[in-house]
Protein backbone atom coordinates (compact mmCIF):
# COMPACT_ATOMS: atom_id res chain seq x y z
CA MET A 1 0.00 0.00 0.00
CA GLY A 2 2.96 2.26 0.66
CA ALA A 3 3.56 5.47 2.60
CA GLY A 4 2.80 3.79 5.94
CA ARG A 5 -0.73 2.96 4.86
CA THR A 6 -2.16 -0.33 6.04
CA VAL A 7 -5.20 -2.38 5.17
CA SER A 8 -6.72 -1.16 8.44
CA TRP A 9 -6.08 2.45 7.43
CA LEU A 10 -7.64 1.91 4.01
CA ALA A 11 -10.65 0.15 5.50
CA GLU A 12 -11.18 3.06 7.88
CA GLN A 13 -10.84 5.63 5.08
CA THR A 14 -13.22 3.84 2.71
CA GLY A 15 -15.79 2.36 5.04
CA ILE A 16 -15.13 -1.11 3.65
CA ALA A 17 -15.15 -3.67 6.45
CA PRO A 18 -11.56 -4.80 7.14
CA HIS A 19 -12.39 -8.51 6.70
CA VAL A 20 -14.05 -7.75 3.35
CA LEU A 21 -11.12 -5.62 2.17
CA GLN A 22 -8.68 -8.38 3.16
CA LYS A 23 -10.64 -10.88 1.05
CA GLN A 24 -10.82 -8.47 -1.88
CA LEU A 25 -7.08 -7.88 -1.77
CA ALA A 26 -6.51 -11.64 -1.60
CA MET A 27 -8.73 -12.00 -4.70
CA GLN A 28 -11.30 -14.03 -2.77
CA LEU A 29 -14.00 -11.39 -3.33
CA ASP A 30 -14.53 -8.94 -6.18
CA PHE A 31 -14.31 -5.18 -5.75
CA THR A 32 -17.41 -3.18 -6.65
CA VAL A 33 -17.18 -0.02 -8.71
CA THR A 34 -18.08 1.88 -5.53
CA ASP A 35 -15.25 0.15 -3.64
CA LEU A 36 -12.78 1.20 -6.34
CA ALA A 37 -14.02 4.78 -6.26
CA GLU A 38 -13.70 4.90 -2.47
CA ILE A 39 -10.19 3.43 -2.59
CA ALA A 40 -9.09 5.85 -5.29
CA GLY A 41 -10.43 8.74 -3.25
CA ALA A 42 -8.65 7.57 -0.10
CA LEU A 43 -5.38 7.24 -2.02
CA SER A 44 -5.90 10.51 -3.94
CA ILE A 45 -5.48 8.80 -7.28
CA ASP A 46 -7.61 8.44 -10.40
CA VAL A 47 -9.76 5.32 -10.29
CA ALA A 48 -8.35 4.34 -13.70
CA ARG A 49 -5.05 3.50 -11.96
CA LEU A 50 -6.82 0.68 -10.11
CA VAL A 51 -8.05 -1.20 -13.15
CA PRO A 52 -5.96 -2.95 -15.79
CA ARG A 53 -5.68 -1.40 -19.22
CA SER A 54 -7.46 -3.14 -22.02
CA ALA A 55 -5.24 -5.26 -24.25
CA ASP A 56 -7.06 -3.69 -27.23
CA ARG A 57 -5.50 -0.26 -26.78
């Protein structure tokens, strides 16, 4: 996560339950579009940085 940020910190910032976020990060649960928007906001980045680029581009 970097810059001293932890899963607990991210969960607190986004409102995503820590156990849910852990499972999402472990690829045991899918992220919702809302989750991605909340995470991007917490990290002050564009949500596009959280999704892979299309191979078609």
